[in-house]
């Protein structure tokens, strides 16, 4: 009886030991271990807008730096280059022009006074002193017109009396009595004579012919262009530039326009001035 009891205890102890050594289900490879930290969810990418899908740009486009300037408006291509309205520059040119008049440097005075009127059109004083310079250079028709322009600007101005007297004085120099047909024929003949002198590099004779042509027809484009050429040949560059500009104002797309612009640029290069035409 006692031996049977001992045998039962031995069998019970053996069975308990075997059960304790049996592996847990958590150690089985086909079972996910318990209590492991769960992986964080990856953020889903932001869906692209339709505009981004079309262009292929990323959302970082807004942070990119552009080196381009501001976009131009549609009408920018139609902006024309013009002389700026600058009364201070005009006043300085007028001051210098009057100085040249006093020192009898009429060619330089003509250039500065014309430039004063570019920056401030219809300036009364610049118009009057321009007339004086033109008269001294025997550009009588132009001087007469400038004196008259002054009286239109300020009929009772400081130089009104002088302008009236000058117009009377210049009447004998004006070519007003010839019929239009005769005037046109005379202008053409003078231009031909001047061109013949230019071909022989006789710039003095050419200058004289073109000045006489312009006294009859101040707005003849060929006479203005040829006079500019003769003045350039005489190294009177400031005056030459004025008459090249006058030609361009009369015929901006004329057959000699490209030549006039090129000559202006060459004169500006020689004189060290900014190109303006």
C-alpha atoms as a PDB file:
ATOM      1  CA  UNK A   1       0.000   0.000   0.000  1.00  0.00           C
ATOM      2  CA  UNK A   2       2.754   2.387   0.979  1.00  0.00           C
ATOM      3  CA  UNK A   3       4.717   1.540  -2.170  1.00  0.00           C
ATOM      4  CA  UNK A   4       1.705   2.259  -4.361  1.00  0.00           C
ATOM      5  CA  UNK A   5       1.358   5.680  -2.768  1.00  0.00           C
ATOM      6  CA  UNK A   6       5.056   6.524  -3.435  1.00  0.00           C
ATOM      7  CA  UNK A   7       4.720   5.341  -7.023  1.00  0.00           C
ATOM      8  CA  UNK A   8       1.722   7.647  -7.506  1.00  0.00           C
ATOM      9  CA  UNK A   9       3.618  10.639  -6.197  1.00  0.00           C
ATOM     10  CA  UNK A  10       6.531   9.867  -8.506  1.00  0.00           C
ATOM     11  CA  UNK A  11       4.272   9.686 -11.542  1.00  0.00           C
ATOM     12  CA  UNK A  12       2.550  12.949 -10.596  1.00  0.00           C
ATOM     13  CA  UNK A  13       5.915  14.734 -10.154  1.00  0.00           C
ATOM     14  CA  UNK A  14       7.161  13.461 -13.562  1.00  0.00           C
ATOM     15  CA  UNK A  15       4.016  14.616 -15.318  1.00  0.00           C
ATOM     16  CA  UNK A  16       4.228  18.090 -13.732  1.00  0.00           C
ATOM     17  CA  UNK A  17       7.858  18.472 -14.793  1.00  0.00           C
ATOM     18  CA  UNK A  18       7.049  17.530 -18.378  1.00  0.00           C
ATOM     19  CA  UNK A  19       4.181  19.964 -18.523  1.00  0.00           C
ATOM     20  CA  UNK A  20       6.335  22.856 -17.227  1.00  0.00           C
ATOM     21  CA  UNK A  21       8.966  22.295 -19.951  1.00  0.00           C
ATOM     22  CA  UNK A  22       6.373  22.365 -22.829  1.00  0.00           C
ATOM     23  CA  UNK A  23       6.973  25.592 -25.006  1.00  0.00           C
ATOM     24  CA  UNK A  24       4.411  28.375 -24.786  1.00  0.00           C
ATOM     25  CA  UNK A  25       2.163  29.226 -27.714  1.00  0.00           C
ATOM     26  CA  UNK A  26       3.755  32.685 -27.763  1.00  0.00           C
ATOM     27  CA  UNK A  27       7.009  31.117 -28.859  1.00  0.00           C
ATOM     28  CA  UNK A  28       5.469  29.424 -31.870  1.00  0.00           C
ATOM     29  CA  UNK A  29       6.602  30.988 -35.164  1.00  0.00           C
ATOM     30  CA  UNK A  30       3.121  30.966 -36.666  1.00  0.00           C
ATOM     31  CA  UNK A  31       1.653  33.141 -33.906  1.00  0.00           C
ATOM     32  CA  UNK A  32       2.228  36.911 -33.598  1.00  0.00           C
ATOM     33  CA  UNK A  33       3.782  37.743 -30.235  1.00  0.00           C
ATOM     34  CA  UNK A  34       1.603  39.685 -27.883  1.00  0.00           C
ATOM     35  CA  UNK A  35       2.109  43.250 -26.532  1.00  0.00           C
ATOM     36  CA  UNK A  36       4.573  44.426 -29.195  1.00  0.00           C
ATOM     37  CA  UNK A  37       4.492  48.201 -30.007  1.00  0.00           C
ATOM     38  CA  UNK A  38       2.285  48.948 -32.988  1.00  0.00           C
ATOM     39  CA  UNK A  39       4.000  50.649 -35.982  1.00  0.00           C
ATOM     40  CA  UNK A  40       3.043  54.249 -36.623  1.00  0.00           C
ATOM     41  CA  UNK A  41       0.943  54.948 -39.686  1.00  0.00           C
ATOM     42  CA  UNK A  42       2.834  56.637 -42.489  1.00  0.00           C
ATOM     43  CA  UNK A  43       1.235  59.964 -43.508  1.00  0.00           C
ATOM     44  CA  UNK A  44      -0.596  59.687 -46.770  1.00  0.00           C
ATOM     45  CA  UNK A  45       0.692  62.020 -49.548  1.00  0.00           C
ATOM     46  CA  UNK A  46      -1.449  65.126 -50.266  1.00  0.00           C
ATOM     47  CA  UNK A  47      -3.423  64.622 -53.443  1.00  0.00           C
ATOM     48  CA  UNK A  48      -2.247  66.968 -56.211  1.00  0.00           C
ATOM     49  CA  UNK A  49      -4.543  69.603 -57.556  1.00  0.00           C
ATOM     50  CA  UNK A  50      -5.557  69.538 -61.182  1.00  0.00           C
ATOM     51  CA  UNK A  51      -3.228  72.425 -62.019  1.00  0.00           C
ATOM     52  CA  UNK A  52      -0.287  70.597 -60.416  1.00  0.00           C
ATOM     53  CA  UNK A  53      -1.131  67.386 -62.201  1.00  0.00           C
ATOM     54  CA  UNK A  54      -1.064  69.240 -65.512  1.00  0.00           C
ATOM     55  CA  UNK A  55       2.142  71.093 -64.906  1.00  0.00           C
ATOM     56  CA  UNK A  56       3.953  68.411 -62.947  1.00  0.00           C
ATOM     57  CA  UNK A  57       5.073  70.995 -60.361  1.00  0.00           C
ATOM     58  CA  UNK A  58       5.475  70.006 -56.730  1.00  0.00           C
ATOM     59  CA  UNK A  59       3.910  71.850 -53.831  1.00  0.00           C
ATOM     60  CA  UNK A  60       7.305  73.430 -53.138  1.00  0.00           C
ATOM     61  CA  UNK A  61       6.959  75.700 -56.217  1.00  0.00           C
ATOM     62  CA  UNK A  62       5.690  78.575 -54.101  1.00  0.00           C
ATOM     63  CA  UNK A  63       8.949  78.625 -52.168  1.00  0.00           C
ATOM     64  CA  UNK A  64      11.151  78.759 -55.278  1.00  0.00           C
ATOM     65  CA  UNK A  65      12.976  82.015 -56.060  1.00  0.00           C
ATOM     66  CA  UNK A  66      12.682  83.517 -59.517  1.00  0.00           C
ATOM     67  CA  UNK A  67      15.431  85.627 -60.992  1.00  0.00           C
ATOM     68  CA  UNK A  68      13.208  87.119 -63.651  1.00  0.00           C
ATOM     69  CA  UNK A  69      11.892  90.653 -63.482  1.00  0.00           C
ATOM     70  CA  UNK A  70       8.220  91.543 -63.313  1.00  0.00           C
ATOM     71  CA  UNK A  71       6.187  90.491 -66.280  1.00  0.00           C
ATOM     72  CA  UNK A  72       5.482  93.159 -68.817  1.00  0.00           C
ATOM     73  CA  UNK A  73       2.013  94.191 -69.742  1.00  0.00           C
ATOM     74  CA  UNK A  74       0.602  93.567 -73.145  1.00  0.00           C
ATOM     75  CA  UNK A  75       0.912  97.187 -74.117  1.00  0.00           C
ATOM     76  CA  UNK A  76       4.573  97.620 -73.157  1.00  0.00           C
ATOM     77  CA  UNK A  77       5.766  96.892 -76.676  1.00  0.00           C
ATOM     78  CA  UNK A  78       3.897  99.941 -77.905  1.00  0.00           C
ATOM     79  CA  UNK A  79       5.679 102.369 -75.611  1.00  0.00           C
ATOM     80  CA  UNK A  80       7.572 104.904 -77.704  1.00  0.00           C
ATOM     81  CA  UNK A  81      10.874 106.505 -76.850  1.00  0.00           C
ATOM     82  CA  UNK A  82      10.425 110.225 -76.346  1.00  0.00           C
ATOM     83  CA  UNK A  83      12.387 113.087 -74.928  1.00  0.00           C
ATOM     84  CA  UNK A  84      11.408 113.461 -71.263  1.00  0.00           C
ATOM     85  CA  UNK A  85       9.882 116.683 -70.052  1.00  0.00           C
ATOM     86  CA  UNK A  86      12.686 118.093 -67.946  1.00  0.00           C
ATOM     87  CA  UNK A  87      12.445 121.840 -67.184  1.00  0.00           C
ATOM     88  CA  UNK A  88      15.648 121.750 -65.112  1.00  0.00           C
ATOM     89  CA  UNK A  89      17.650 120.324 -68.014  1.00  0.00           C
ATOM     90  CA  UNK A  90      16.005 122.844 -70.330  1.00  0.00           C
ATOM     91  CA  UNK A  91      16.925 125.745 -68.027  1.00  0.00           C
ATOM     92  CA  UNK A  92      20.554 124.596 -67.956  1.00  0.00           C
ATOM     93  CA  UNK A  93      20.678 124.358 -71.756  1.00  0.00           C
ATOM     94  CA  UNK A  94      19.136 127.826 -72.000  1.00  0.00           C
ATOM     95  CA  UNK A  95      21.759 129.251 -69.644  1.00  0.00           C
ATOM     96  CA  UNK A  96      24.610 127.712 -71.625  1.00  0.00           C
ATOM     97  CA  UNK A  97      23.046 128.751 -74.927  1.00  0.00           C
ATOM     98  CA  UNK A  98      22.806 132.377 -73.819  1.00  0.00           C
ATOM     99  CA  UNK A  99      26.447 132.257 -72.738  1.00  0.00           C
ATOM    100  CA  UNK A 100      27.465 131.041 -76.192  1.00  0.00           C
ATOM    101  CA  UNK A 101      25.446 133.864 -77.758  1.00  0.00           C
ATOM    102  CA  UNK A 102      27.320 136.447 -75.676  1.00  0.00           C
ATOM    103  CA  UNK A 103      30.648 134.935 -76.680  1.00  0.00           C
ATOM    104  CA  UNK A 104      29.513 134.833 -80.350  1.00  0.00           C
ATOM    105  CA  UNK A 105      29.772 131.047 -80.553  1.00  0.00           C
ATOM    106  CA  UNK A 106      26.544 130.878 -82.518  1.00  0.00           C
ATOM    107  CA  UNK A 107      26.911 127.292 -83.658  1.00  0.00           C
ATOM    108  CA  UNK A 108      27.139 125.981 -80.101  1.00  0.00           C
ATOM    109  CA  UNK A 109      24.318 128.312 -79.034  1.00  0.00           C
ATOM    110  CA  UNK A 110      22.079 126.907 -81.763  1.00  0.00           C
ATOM    111  CA  UNK A 111      22.621 123.363 -80.529  1.00  0.00           C
ATOM    112  CA  UNK A 112      22.011 124.082 -76.836  1.00  0.00           C
ATOM    113  CA  UNK A 113      18.920 126.208 -77.475  1.00  0.00           C
ATOM    114  CA  UNK A 114      17.428 123.572 -79.745  1.00  0.00           C
ATOM    115  CA  UNK A 115      18.088 121.031 -77.020  1.00  0.00           C
ATOM    116  CA  UNK A 116      16.437 123.275 -74.436  1.00  0.00           C
ATOM    117  CA  UNK A 117      13.273 123.180 -76.537  1.00  0.00           C
ATOM    118  CA  UNK A 118      13.464 119.390 -76.788  1.00  0.00           C
ATOM    119  CA  UNK A 119      13.172 119.096 -73.008  1.00  0.00           C
ATOM    120  CA  UNK A 120      10.664 121.939 -72.645  1.00  0.00           C
ATOM    121  CA  UNK A 121       8.754 122.665 -75.846  1.00  0.00           C
ATOM    122  CA  UNK A 122       7.406 126.187 -76.404  1.00  0.00           C
ATOM    123  CA  UNK A 123       9.637 127.772 -73.793  1.00  0.00           C
ATOM    124  CA  UNK A 124       9.407 131.478 -74.585  1.00  0.00           C
ATOM    125  CA  UNK A 125      12.955 132.508 -73.672  1.00  0.00           C
ATOM    126  CA  UNK A 126      14.568 129.552 -75.443  1.00  0.00           C
ATOM    127  CA  UNK A 127      12.482 130.326 -78.541  1.00  0.00           C
ATOM    128  CA  UNK A 128      13.561 133.967 -78.604  1.00  0.00           C
ATOM    129  CA  UNK A 129      17.269 133.296 -78.163  1.00  0.00           C
ATOM    130  CA  UNK A 130      17.090 130.484 -80.696  1.00  0.00           C
ATOM    131  CA  UNK A 131      15.784 133.074 -83.167  1.00  0.00           C
ATOM    132  CA  UNK A 132      18.790 135.272 -82.404  1.00  0.00           C
ATOM    133  CA  UNK A 133      21.204 132.396 -83.053  1.00  0.00           C
ATOM    134  CA  UNK A 134      19.437 131.498 -86.293  1.00  0.00           C
ATOM    135  CA  UNK A 135      19.586 135.087 -87.476  1.00  0.00           C
ATOM    136  CA  UNK A 136      23.316 135.305 -86.728  1.00  0.00           C
ATOM    137  CA  UNK A 137      23.848 132.149 -88.779  1.00  0.00           C
ATOM    138  CA  UNK A 138      21.822 133.670 -91.640  1.00  0.00           C
ATOM    139  CA  UNK A 139      19.028 131.134 -91.321  1.00  0.00           C
ATOM    140  CA  UNK A 140      16.623 133.939 -91.965  1.00  0.00           C
ATOM    141  CA  UNK A 141      13.423 132.016 -92.640  1.00  0.00           C
ATOM    142  CA  UNK A 142      13.942 129.947 -89.513  1.00  0.00           C
ATOM    143  CA  UNK A 143      14.760 133.018 -87.441  1.00  0.00           C
ATOM    144  CA  UNK A 144      11.652 134.803 -88.731  1.00  0.00           C
ATOM    145  CA  UNK A 145       9.510 131.796 -87.767  1.00  0.00           C
ATOM    146  CA  UNK A 146      11.084 131.588 -84.297  1.00  0.00           C
ATOM    147  CA  UNK A 147      10.473 135.288 -83.596  1.00  0.00           C
ATOM    148  CA  UNK A 148       6.875 134.783 -84.666  1.00  0.00           C
ATOM    149  CA  UNK A 149       6.587 131.700 -82.438  1.00  0.00           C
ATOM    150  CA  UNK A 150       7.787 133.739 -79.471  1.00  0.00           C
ATOM    151  CA  UNK A 151       5.036 136.311 -80.071  1.00  0.00           C
ATOM    152  CA  UNK A 152       2.480 133.498 -80.232  1.00  0.00           C
ATOM    153  CA  UNK A 153       3.649 132.153 -76.865  1.00  0.00           C
ATOM    154  CA  UNK A 154       3.808 135.527 -75.063  1.00  0.00           C
ATOM    155  CA  UNK A 155       2.377 138.345 -77.211  1.00  0.00           C
ATOM    156  CA  UNK A 156       3.262 140.948 -74.585  1.00  0.00           C
ATOM    157  CA  UNK A 157       6.393 139.277 -73.292  1.00  0.00           C
ATOM    158  CA  UNK A 158       9.721 140.765 -72.313  1.00  0.00           C
ATOM    159  CA  UNK A 159      11.131 140.374 -75.825  1.00  0.00           C
ATOM    160  CA  UNK A 160       7.979 141.172 -77.778  1.00  0.00           C
ATOM    161  CA  UNK A 161       9.239 144.492 -79.085  1.00  0.00           C
ATOM    162  CA  UNK A 162      12.604 143.021 -80.110  1.00  0.00           C
ATOM    163  CA  UNK A 163      10.830 140.180 -81.901  1.00  0.00           C
ATOM    164  CA  UNK A 164       8.582 142.545 -83.838  1.00  0.00           C
ATOM    165  CA  UNK A 165      11.557 144.676 -84.892  1.00  0.00           C
ATOM    166  CA  UNK A 166      13.508 141.578 -85.932  1.00  0.00           C
ATOM    167  CA  UNK A 167      10.650 140.316 -88.100  1.00  0.00           C
ATOM    168  CA  UNK A 168      10.526 143.643 -89.926  1.00  0.00           C
ATOM    169  CA  UNK A 169      14.290 143.537 -90.324  1.00  0.00           C
ATOM    170  CA  UNK A 170      14.201 140.041 -91.807  1.00  0.00           C
ATOM    171  CA  UNK A 171      11.408 140.623 -94.300  1.00  0.00           C
ATOM    172  CA  UNK A 172      13.842 141.738 -96.981  1.00  0.00           C
ATOM    173  CA  UNK A 173      15.709 138.422 -96.674  1.00  0.00           C
ATOM    174  CA  UNK A 174      12.663 136.207 -97.101  1.00  0.00           C
ATOM    175  CA  UNK A 175      11.811 134.520-100.366  1.00  0.00           C
ATOM    176  CA  UNK A 176       8.064 135.084-100.252  1.00  0.00           C
ATOM    177  CA  UNK A 177       7.360 136.741-103.564  1.00  0.00           C
ATOM    178  CA  UNK A 178       8.134 133.847-105.916  1.00  0.00           C
ATOM    179  CA  UNK A 179       5.340 131.631-107.274  1.00  0.00           C
ATOM    180  CA  UNK A 180       5.263 128.136-105.769  1.00  0.00           C
ATOM    181  CA  UNK A 181       6.378 126.509-109.016  1.00  0.00           C
ATOM    182  CA  UNK A 182       9.355 128.822-109.272  1.00  0.00           C
ATOM    183  CA  UNK A 183      10.234 128.280-105.607  1.00  0.00           C
ATOM    184  CA  UNK A 184      10.170 124.511-106.052  1.00  0.00           C
ATOM    185  CA  UNK A 185      12.360 124.752-109.155  1.00  0.00           C
ATOM    186  CA  UNK A 186      14.840 127.000-107.374  1.00  0.00           C
ATOM    187  CA  UNK A 187      15.020 124.637-104.395  1.00  0.00           C
ATOM    188  CA  UNK A 188      15.718 121.662-106.657  1.00  0.00           C
ATOM    189  CA  UNK A 189      18.398 123.582-108.524  1.00  0.00           C
ATOM    190  CA  UNK A 190      20.089 124.654-105.301  1.00  0.00           C
ATOM    191  CA  UNK A 191      19.996 121.061-104.000  1.00  0.00           C
ATOM    192  CA  UNK A 192      21.573 119.800-107.224  1.00  0.00           C
ATOM    193  CA  UNK A 193      24.287 122.446-107.018  1.00  0.00           C
ATOM    194  CA  UNK A 194      24.968 121.547-103.401  1.00  0.00           C
ATOM    195  CA  UNK A 195      25.123 117.829-104.144  1.00  0.00           C
ATOM    196  CA  UNK A 196      27.639 118.521-106.885  1.00  0.00           C
ATOM    197  CA  UNK A 197      29.783 120.429-104.405  1.00  0.00           C
ATOM    198  CA  UNK A 198      29.462 117.610-101.857  1.00  0.00           C
ATOM    199  CA  UNK A 199      30.702 115.123-104.441  1.00  0.00           C
ATOM    200  CA  UNK A 200      33.859 117.219-104.760  1.00  0.00           C
ATOM    201  CA  UNK A 201      34.196 117.637-100.965  1.00  0.00           C
ATOM    202  CA  UNK A 202      33.620 121.382-101.386  1.00  0.00           C
ATOM    203  CA  UNK A 203      31.676 121.636 -98.145  1.00  0.00           C
ATOM    204  CA  UNK A 204      31.625 125.437 -97.991  1.00  0.00           C
ATOM    205  CA  UNK A 205      29.911 125.780-101.370  1.00  0.00           C
ATOM    206  CA  UNK A 206      27.573 122.903-100.560  1.00  0.00           C
ATOM    207  CA  UNK A 207      26.635 124.511 -97.262  1.00  0.00           C
ATOM    208  CA  UNK A 208      25.843 127.803 -98.976  1.00  0.00           C
ATOM    209  CA  UNK A 209      23.571 126.108-101.522  1.00  0.00           C
ATOM    210  CA  UNK A 210      21.627 124.112 -98.956  1.00  0.00           C
ATOM    211  CA  UNK A 211      21.192 127.105 -96.642  1.00  0.00           C
ATOM    212  CA  UNK A 212      19.692 129.075 -99.529  1.00  0.00           C
ATOM    213  CA  UNK A 213      17.426 126.126-100.350  1.00  0.00           C
ATOM    214  CA  UNK A 214      16.176 126.000 -96.788  1.00  0.00           C
ATOM    215  CA  UNK A 215      15.543 129.726 -96.745  1.00  0.00           C
ATOM    216  CA  UNK A 216      13.001 129.065 -99.494  1.00  0.00           C
ATOM    217  CA  UNK A 217      11.680 125.719 -98.210  1.00  0.00           C
ATOM    218  CA  UNK A 218      12.580 125.168 -94.526  1.00  0.00           C
ATOM    219  CA  UNK A 219      10.866 121.768 -94.416  1.00  0.00           C
ATOM    220  CA  UNK A 220      12.398 120.219 -97.491  1.00  0.00           C
ATOM    221  CA  UNK A 221      13.720 116.868 -96.175  1.00  0.00           C
ATOM    222  CA  UNK A 222      16.498 116.411 -98.753  1.00  0.00           C
ATOM    223  CA  UNK A 223      17.853 119.918 -98.194  1.00  0.00           C
ATOM    224  CA  UNK A 224      17.895 119.300 -94.414  1.00  0.00           C
ATOM    225  CA  UNK A 225      19.733 116.011 -94.812  1.00  0.00           C
ATOM    226  CA  UNK A 226      22.283 117.428 -97.269  1.00  0.00           C
ATOM    227  CA  UNK A 227      22.860 120.483 -95.114  1.00  0.00           C
ATOM    228  CA  UNK A 228      23.628 118.127 -92.225  1.00  0.00           C
ATOM    229  CA  UNK A 229      26.167 116.337 -94.427  1.00  0.00           C
ATOM    230  CA  UNK A 230      27.858 119.602 -95.405  1.00  0.00           C
ATOM    231  CA  UNK A 231      27.992 120.722 -91.771  1.00  0.00           C
ATOM    232  CA  UNK A 232      29.485 117.382 -90.793  1.00  0.00           C
ATOM    233  CA  UNK A 233      32.115 117.834 -93.505  1.00  0.00           C
ATOM    234  CA  UNK A 234      32.911 121.239 -92.001  1.00  0.00           C
ATOM    235  CA  UNK A 235      33.264 119.556 -88.565  1.00  0.00           C
ATOM    236  CA  UNK A 236      30.310 121.536 -87.260  1.00  0.00           C
ATOM    237  CA  UNK A 237      28.956 118.433 -85.612  1.00  0.00           C
ATOM    238  CA  UNK A 238      26.428 119.970 -83.221  1.00  0.00           C
ATOM    239  CA  UNK A 239      24.650 121.742 -86.067  1.00  0.00           C
ATOM    240  CA  UNK A 240      24.872 118.683 -88.312  1.00  0.00           C
ATOM    241  CA  UNK A 241      23.110 116.621 -85.663  1.00  0.00           C
ATOM    242  CA  UNK A 242      20.276 119.170 -85.511  1.00  0.00           C
ATOM    243  CA  UNK A 243      19.571 118.917 -89.228  1.00  0.00           C
ATOM    244  CA  UNK A 244      19.803 115.111 -89.238  1.00  0.00           C
ATOM    245  CA  UNK A 245      17.166 115.176 -86.506  1.00  0.00           C
ATOM    246  CA  UNK A 246      15.084 117.603 -88.526  1.00  0.00           C
ATOM    247  CA  UNK A 247      15.176 115.224 -91.476  1.00  0.00           C
ATOM    248  CA  UNK A 248      14.000 112.367 -89.220  1.00  0.00           C
ATOM    249  CA  UNK A 249      11.163 114.492 -87.888  1.00  0.00           C
ATOM    250  CA  UNK A 250      10.059 115.171 -91.473  1.00  0.00           C
ATOM    251  CA  UNK A 251      10.552 111.652 -92.835  1.00  0.00           C
ATOM    252  CA  UNK A 252      11.064 109.134 -89.986  1.00  0.00           C
ATOM    253  CA  UNK A 253      10.821 106.247 -92.463  1.00  0.00           C
ATOM    254  CA  UNK A 254      12.423 107.995 -95.440  1.00  0.00           C
ATOM    255  CA  UNK A 255      15.029 106.403 -97.655  1.00  0.00           C
ATOM    256  CA  UNK A 256      17.803 108.278 -95.836  1.00  0.00           C
ATOM    257  CA  UNK A 257      16.463 107.686 -92.310  1.00  0.00           C
ATOM    258  CA  UNK A 258      18.875 104.843 -91.568  1.00  0.00           C
ATOM    259  CA  UNK A 259      21.818 106.968 -92.706  1.00  0.00           C
ATOM    260  CA  UNK A 260      20.629 109.896 -90.589  1.00  0.00           C
ATOM    261  CA  UNK A 261      20.409 107.725 -87.465  1.00  0.00           C
ATOM    262  CA  UNK A 262      23.842 106.234 -88.120  1.00  0.00           C
ATOM    263  CA  UNK A 263      25.402 109.671 -88.547  1.00  0.00           C
ATOM    264  CA  UNK A 264      23.744 110.909 -85.346  1.00  0.00           C
ATOM    265  CA  UNK A 265      25.173 107.949 -83.461  1.00  0.00           C
ATOM    266  CA  UNK A 266      28.630 108.617 -84.874  1.00  0.00           C
ATOM    267  CA  UNK A 267      28.426 112.284 -83.886  1.00  0.00           C
ATOM    268  CA  UNK A 268      27.240 111.338 -80.405  1.00  0.00           C
ATOM    269  CA  UNK A 269      30.155 108.934 -80.088  1.00  0.00           C
ATOM    270  CA  UNK A 270      32.615 111.650 -81.087  1.00  0.00           C
ATOM    271  CA  UNK A 271      31.069 114.218 -78.774  1.00  0.00           C
ATOM    272  CA  UNK A 272      30.589 111.726 -75.956  1.00  0.00           C
ATOM    273  CA  UNK A 273      26.878 112.331 -75.671  1.00  0.00           C
ATOM    274  CA  UNK A 274      23.971 109.972 -75.284  1.00  0.00           C
ATOM    275  CA  UNK A 275      22.292 108.906 -78.503  1.00  0.00           C
ATOM    276  CA  UNK A 276      18.994 110.691 -79.107  1.00  0.00           C
ATOM    277  CA  UNK A 277      17.066 110.719 -82.312  1.00  0.00           C
END
